[in-house]
Protein backbone atom coordinates (compact mmCIF):
# COMPACT_ATOMS: atom_id res chain seq x y z
CA MET A 1 -8.32 -12.84 -6.43
CA ASN A 2 -7.50 -9.14 -6.15
CA ALA A 3 -6.12 -6.85 -8.87
CA TYR A 4 -2.53 -7.25 -7.66
CA HIS A 5 -2.63 -11.03 -7.92
CA LYS A 6 -4.35 -10.84 -11.30
CA TRP A 7 -1.64 -8.44 -12.48
CA LEU A 8 1.09 -10.78 -11.23
CA ALA A 9 -0.55 -13.70 -13.04
CA GLY A 10 -0.72 -11.68 -16.27
CA GLN A 11 -4.53 -11.64 -16.31
CA VAL A 12 -4.63 -7.83 -16.06
CA ASP A 13 -2.50 -5.43 -18.09
CA ASP A 14 -0.45 -2.59 -16.59
CA SER A 15 -2.83 0.19 -17.57
CA HIS A 16 -5.83 -1.49 -15.92
CA TYR A 17 -3.78 -2.15 -12.77
CA ARG A 18 -2.58 1.46 -12.60
CA ILE A 19 -6.14 2.77 -13.09
CA ARG A 20 -7.29 0.53 -10.24
CA LEU A 21 -4.48 1.78 -7.99
CA ALA A 22 -5.32 5.40 -8.82
CA ARG A 23 -8.95 4.80 -7.87
CA ILE A 24 -7.96 3.20 -4.56
CA ARG A 25 -5.47 5.99 -3.86
CA GLY A 26 -8.17 8.59 -4.49
CA ARG A 27 -10.55 6.89 -2.08
CA CYS A 28 -7.86 6.65 0.59
CA HIS A 29 -6.99 10.32 0.15
CA HIS A 30 -10.64 11.30 0.48
CA TRP A 31 -11.06 9.37 3.73
CA LEU A 32 -7.82 10.70 5.17
CA ILE A 33 -9.05 14.24 4.57
CA GLU A 34 -12.38 13.37 6.18
CA GLY A 35 -10.57 11.80 9.13
CA ALA A 36 -8.26 14.78 9.58
CA ALA A 37 -11.32 17.02 9.85
CA CYS A 38 -13.19 14.86 12.36
CA GLU A 39 -13.83 15.84 15.98
CA GLN A 40 -11.89 12.94 17.52
CA ASP A 41 -8.41 14.27 18.27
CA LYS A 42 -6.67 10.91 17.99
CA THR A 43 -8.23 10.13 14.62
CA ALA A 44 -7.68 13.64 13.29
CA ASN A 45 -4.01 13.62 14.31
CA SER A 46 -3.40 10.16 12.83
CA CYS A 47 -5.05 11.06 9.53
CA ALA A 48 -3.15 14.36 9.36
CA LEU A 49 0.12 12.50 9.88
CA TRP A 50 -0.77 9.98 7.17
CA LEU A 51 -1.64 12.84 4.80
CA LYS A 52 1.82 14.37 5.34
CA GLN A 53 3.47 11.05 4.48
CA GLU A 54 0.93 9.84 1.92
CA ALA A 55 3.30 9.82 -1.07
CA MET A 56 5.63 7.43 0.75
CA PHE A 57 2.84 4.88 1.23
CA TRP A 58 2.22 4.72 -2.53
CA THR A 59 5.85 4.28 -3.61
CA PHE A 60 5.13 0.75 -4.85
CA SER A 61 2.62 2.09 -7.36
CA ARG A 62 5.30 3.98 -9.34
CA ASP A 63 6.90 0.79 -10.60
CA PRO A 64 5.07 -2.29 -9.34
CA ALA A 65 7.45 -4.62 -11.16
CA LEU A 66 10.43 -3.39 -9.12
CA ILE A 67 8.79 -2.69 -5.77
CA PRO A 68 6.70 -5.58 -4.43
CA LEU A 69 3.43 -4.82 -2.71
CA THR A 70 4.29 -7.11 0.19
CA ASN A 71 7.45 -7.93 2.08
CA ASN A 72 6.87 -11.69 1.89
CA GLN A 73 10.18 -12.34 0.15
CA ALA A 74 12.12 -10.47 2.83
CA GLU A 75 10.29 -12.42 5.53
CA ARG A 76 11.06 -15.71 3.78
CA ASP A 77 14.73 -14.76 3.52
CA LEU A 78 14.94 -13.97 7.25
CA ARG A 79 12.99 -16.98 8.47
CA PRO A 80 15.89 -19.49 8.61
CA TYR A 81 17.97 -17.09 10.72
CA VAL A 82 15.13 -16.42 13.12
CA ILE A 83 14.46 -20.14 13.55
CA TRP A 84 18.21 -20.81 14.01
CA ARG A 85 18.38 -18.09 16.67
CA LYS A 86 15.63 -19.73 18.70
């Protein structure tokens, strides 16, 4: 069970969850910088683009109670319409 699921189940408090997210975000940032500096043009360009938009990817971490980490609920809501369409 990962930190998100433990947080949802109430096994982990908000501060621990936010510390964990900050650690993960720091690691991701580090590797994006490394990737942007690499010699492979495709990788460097992709990482540079991700770095420009990095804040957007972490929007859910500002208020995890309001912004779900996954889009499972949206997919569940759309499923009956997709099945009906077929």
